[in-house]
Structures are given as structure tokens and as C-alpha cells.
Amino acid sequence: MKILAISDQVEPRFLRAGQSAPVVQKIDIILSCGDLPASYLEYLVTLLNVPLCFVLGNHDEQLLGKHLDGCTCIDETTVIRKGRIIGGLSGSTDYNDGQLMFSEVEMLRKISRLYPRLLWNKLRYGRHLDIFISHSPISGILDETTHAHRGFKVLRMFDKCFKPRLHLHGHTMVKGRKYVARYHSTEIININHFRIFDV
């Protein structure tokens, strides 16, 4: 499965490129980690004619409860796409009481609402999930020291317990070439502002 993962910034090349552009050929699914306009997400779905799964970033309040053509919000749930189990959690750490900003306790509650789906996946498919997407990074791994861009400690617990093969996130800037890390059995990738890869 070839994934186009996106977050935080609109990529001008995608807006100028037709479907024949090499950078967007043969994509199977788009995964959005948040802070992108609805028009951009719907445009990519139309351009590539593939499904798009997304979570919301801390600046996405205008998308709360909004239907996006061809797009599926996977906040606090999981879906099966091309045989892979994909789950997600929206939001960032709380730094000014936004609707999509959460304390550690609030993010733990979001994880608890996702848990029944993870348990069902484990019983039915033998694994909780394959790909996990979040807007925010994990605390201490590819995050930043600023209050607004630090990661969640509870996401460390999440990856350790549920063992996704991949954890994709946005929200923070990539420093140099350091955008991939490993935490236990999970490969963590900062996809800001886009990455294309095979799974």
C-alpha cells in the first residue's frame, strides 16, 4: 500500500500537478494528521481518486462535525483500508484552552473511548492496529520543548501497549533530517508537511 501522509502545510506542487505527476502517481490512500483546510483534503481526494482518513489538528476547530467529501475522520476509532487497520486521535497539548487542545488526562479519556475498537480488532484480527495517526507527537520523541509543541506522555503508553507498526504525526517541525524514530516496536514518523512511502 502506497501512502501519501500530509499535515500542517499545503504543498504547492500538488496544487500545480496533474494526476500524471510522478510525486502523486499510484497512491492507494491519503492519511492526514491535521491542520489542513477542508478544500485541500477534498481536492487531493478528487485528484487522486483514493480514500482519505484524517484526524484534526489544534487549528481545525472549523472542521468539527463537518462532512468532507471522500474523507473519513478516524478520531477515536479505527477503519480497515487495503487490509490495514488504521486508527487515530485528534488534537494537541493544551496551551490556550482550544476545543482541540487536551490535557494528559483528557487525552487518556480519548484513548479509553478508542479502546473497545482496539480490543475488537485484537480479537478478530489478532492485532490492535497497524497504522496510528495523531496530530501531536509523543512526549520526548520528535516533539519540541515549547509548551505548544510538546508531545503527550500518554501516547508513549499507547504505542507501547497497542504496538502499531507505524505512528504518523504532524504538528512539529522537522529538525534537519531527523524525522524518524523508533519506540519499542513502533516506527514513529513526523510527516510534516508530507511523506510518501510504502507499507
Protein backbone atom coordinates (compact mmCIF):
# COMPACT_ATOMS: atom_id res chain seq x y z
CA MET A 1 0.00 0.00 0.00
CA LYS A 2 1.43 3.35 -1.05
CA ILE A 3 0.59 6.13 1.41
CA LEU A 4 0.57 9.88 0.97
CA ALA A 5 0.74 11.31 4.51
CA ILE A 6 0.12 15.04 4.95
CA SER A 7 -0.14 17.66 7.69
CA ASP A 8 0.14 21.32 8.63
CA GLN A 9 1.09 22.91 5.30
CA VAL A 10 -0.41 22.84 1.82
CA GLU A 11 2.11 21.52 -0.70
CA PRO A 12 2.17 23.87 -3.74
CA ARG A 13 3.42 21.11 -6.06
CA PHE A 14 0.22 19.15 -5.50
CA LEU A 15 -1.87 22.16 -6.46
CA ARG A 16 0.09 22.69 -9.68
CA ALA A 17 0.47 19.00 -10.56
CA GLY A 18 -1.94 16.93 -12.52
CA GLN A 19 -2.60 13.31 -11.69
CA SER A 20 0.25 12.30 -14.01
CA ALA A 21 2.90 13.98 -11.84
CA PRO A 22 5.35 11.33 -10.56
CA VAL A 23 5.11 12.54 -6.97
CA VAL A 24 1.44 11.57 -6.73
CA GLN A 25 1.24 8.51 -9.00
CA LYS A 26 -0.12 5.20 -7.73
CA ILE A 27 -1.14 6.44 -4.28
CA ASP A 28 -3.50 3.99 -2.53
CA ILE A 29 -4.58 6.11 0.44
CA ILE A 30 -4.09 9.58 1.92
CA LEU A 31 -3.61 9.99 5.67
CA SER A 32 -3.91 13.50 7.10
CA CYS A 33 -2.51 14.34 10.52
CA GLY A 34 -4.34 17.65 10.79
CA ASP A 35 -4.16 21.43 10.45
CA LEU A 36 -5.08 21.44 6.77
CA PRO A 37 -8.07 23.15 5.07
CA ALA A 38 -11.07 21.10 4.00
CA SER A 39 -10.72 22.35 0.43
CA TYR A 40 -7.18 20.90 0.22
CA LEU A 41 -8.24 17.49 1.55
CA GLU A 42 -11.20 17.28 -0.83
CA TYR A 43 -9.02 18.45 -3.72
CA LEU A 44 -6.49 15.65 -3.11
CA VAL A 45 -9.27 13.05 -2.93
CA THR A 46 -10.62 14.29 -6.26
CA LEU A 47 -7.15 14.49 -7.85
CA LEU A 48 -6.03 11.01 -6.79
CA ASN A 49 -9.41 9.24 -6.56
CA VAL A 50 -8.39 7.40 -3.38
CA PRO A 51 -9.80 7.33 0.17
CA LEU A 52 -8.56 9.83 2.74
CA CYS A 53 -8.56 9.26 6.51
CA PHE A 54 -7.84 12.16 8.83
CA VAL A 55 -7.58 13.45 12.36
CA LEU A 56 -7.95 17.07 13.37
CA GLY A 57 -5.15 19.37 14.46
CA ASN A 58 -5.33 22.05 17.12
CA HIS A 59 -6.19 24.69 14.48
CA ASP A 60 -9.04 22.67 12.90
CA GLU A 61 -11.97 23.88 15.00
CA GLN A 62 -13.83 24.93 11.85
CA LEU A 63 -13.89 21.27 10.74
CA LEU A 64 -15.52 19.91 13.91
CA GLY A 65 -18.61 17.97 12.86
CA LYS A 66 -18.19 18.93 9.21
CA HIS A 67 -18.63 16.40 6.40
CA LEU A 68 -15.78 16.30 3.89
CA ASP A 69 -16.45 14.57 0.57
CA GLY A 70 -14.41 11.39 0.21
CA CYS A 71 -12.81 11.82 3.64
CA THR A 72 -13.26 9.84 6.87
CA CYS A 73 -12.45 11.27 10.29
CA ILE A 74 -10.92 8.50 12.40
CA ASP A 75 -10.62 10.35 15.69
CA GLU A 76 -11.21 7.81 18.49
CA THR A 77 -11.96 4.97 16.07
CA THR A 78 -10.36 2.56 13.61
CA VAL A 79 -11.06 1.61 9.99
CA ILE A 80 -9.84 -1.11 7.64
CA ARG A 81 -8.28 0.12 4.41
CA LYS A 82 -6.45 -2.20 1.99
CA GLY A 83 -6.22 -4.82 4.75
CA ARG A 84 -4.55 -2.46 7.22
CA ILE A 85 -6.11 -1.36 10.49
CA ILE A 86 -5.80 2.40 10.83
CA GLY A 87 -6.73 4.39 13.94
CA GLY A 88 -6.35 7.96 15.07
CA LEU A 89 -6.57 10.62 17.74
CA SER A 90 -7.07 14.34 17.11
CA GLY A 91 -5.66 17.34 18.93
CA SER A 92 -2.58 18.73 20.62
CA THR A 93 -1.49 19.51 24.14
CA ASP A 94 -3.47 22.28 25.79
CA TYR A 95 -1.82 25.70 25.68
CA ASN A 96 -4.77 28.12 25.37
CA ASP A 97 -7.99 26.17 26.02
CA GLY A 98 -8.84 25.47 22.39
CA GLN A 99 -11.52 22.91 21.53
CA LEU A 100 -8.91 20.60 20.04
CA MET A 101 -6.33 21.02 22.80
CA PHE A 102 -6.21 18.48 25.59
CA SER A 103 -4.55 17.81 28.93
CA GLU A 104 -2.88 14.45 29.54
CA VAL A 105 -5.99 13.29 31.43
CA GLU A 106 -8.27 14.38 28.58
CA MET A 107 -6.12 12.55 26.03
CA LEU A 108 -6.24 9.47 28.24
CA ARG A 109 -10.05 9.69 28.11
CA LYS A 110 -9.87 9.85 24.31
CA ILE A 111 -7.71 6.71 24.33
CA SER A 112 -10.25 4.98 26.59
CA ARG A 113 -13.00 5.71 24.04
CA LEU A 114 -10.83 4.14 21.33
CA TYR A 115 -10.09 1.06 23.44
CA PRO A 116 -13.24 -1.00 22.58
CA ARG A 117 -12.37 -0.85 18.87
CA LEU A 118 -8.77 -1.84 19.60
CA LEU A 119 -9.93 -4.79 21.70
CA TRP A 120 -12.32 -5.90 18.96
CA ASN A 121 -9.52 -5.69 16.39
CA LYS A 122 -7.27 -7.82 18.58
CA LEU A 123 -9.95 -10.46 18.99
CA ARG A 124 -10.92 -10.51 15.31
CA TYR A 125 -7.63 -9.83 13.51
CA GLY A 126 -5.00 -10.78 16.09
CA ARG A 127 -3.65 -7.23 16.39
CA HIS A 128 -4.90 -3.90 17.69
CA LEU A 129 -3.91 -1.75 14.71
CA ASP A 130 -1.26 -1.35 12.03
CA ILE A 131 -1.09 2.41 11.50
CA PHE A 132 -1.84 5.05 14.10
CA ILE A 133 -2.15 8.72 13.16
CA SER A 134 -2.22 11.65 15.55
CA HIS A 135 -1.69 15.36 15.20
CA SER A 136 0.55 15.56 18.22
CA PRO A 137 3.82 13.67 18.67
CA ILE A 138 4.84 11.53 21.65
CA SER A 139 6.45 13.27 24.59
CA GLY A 140 10.22 13.22 24.20
CA ILE A 141 10.20 11.76 20.68
CA LEU A 142 10.34 14.17 17.73
CA ASP A 143 8.49 16.79 19.77
CA GLU A 144 9.63 20.28 20.78
CA THR A 145 10.36 21.89 24.12
CA THR A 146 7.89 24.75 23.63
CA HIS A 147 4.66 24.38 25.57
CA ALA A 148 2.52 24.44 22.41
CA HIS A 149 4.53 21.74 20.62
CA ARG A 150 5.41 19.24 23.29
CA GLY A 151 4.06 15.72 22.89
CA PHE A 152 1.71 13.65 25.03
CA LYS A 153 3.13 11.32 27.65
CA VAL A 154 0.07 9.07 27.37
CA LEU A 155 0.88 8.42 23.70
CA ARG A 156 4.06 6.70 24.88
CA MET A 157 1.85 4.31 26.82
CA PHE A 158 -0.45 3.94 23.81
CA ASP A 159 2.31 2.85 21.42
CA LYS A 160 3.89 0.55 23.99
CA CYS A 161 0.59 -1.19 24.78
CA PHE A 162 -1.06 -1.39 21.36
CA LYS A 163 2.06 -1.76 19.20
CA PRO A 164 1.12 -0.07 15.93
CA ARG A 165 3.65 -0.76 13.20
CA LEU A 166 3.64 2.94 12.28
CA HIS A 167 2.76 6.08 14.21
CA LEU A 168 2.46 9.12 11.95
CA HIS A 169 2.13 12.65 13.32
CA GLY A 170 2.46 16.29 12.35
CA HIS A 171 2.36 19.47 14.49
CA THR A 172 6.11 19.87 14.98
CA MET A 173 8.79 21.00 12.56
CA VAL A 174 11.33 18.52 11.24
CA LYS A 175 14.79 19.37 12.54
CA GLY A 176 17.47 18.67 9.96
CA ARG A 177 16.93 15.16 8.63
CA LYS A 178 15.61 13.75 11.90
CA TYR A 179 12.04 12.77 11.17
CA VAL A 180 12.01 9.03 12.01
CA ALA A 181 12.41 7.40 15.41
CA ARG A 182 11.63 4.04 16.99
CA TYR A 183 9.81 3.46 20.24
CA HIS A 184 9.61 -0.20 21.24
CA SER A 185 8.18 -1.95 18.14
CA THR A 186 6.69 1.21 16.60
CA GLU A 187 8.30 3.33 13.91
CA ILE A 188 7.40 6.97 14.51
CA ILE A 189 7.42 9.38 11.56
CA ASN A 190 6.98 13.14 11.61
CA ILE A 191 5.29 13.64 8.24
CA ASN A 192 5.14 17.46 8.33
CA HIS A 193 4.33 18.50 5.76
CA PHE A 194 4.17 15.38 3.56
CA ARG A 195 5.76 11.99 3.08
CA ILE A 196 5.16 9.25 0.54
CA PHE A 197 6.05 5.67 1.45
CA ASP A 198 5.04 2.02 1.05
CA VAL A 199 3.70 -0.22 3.79
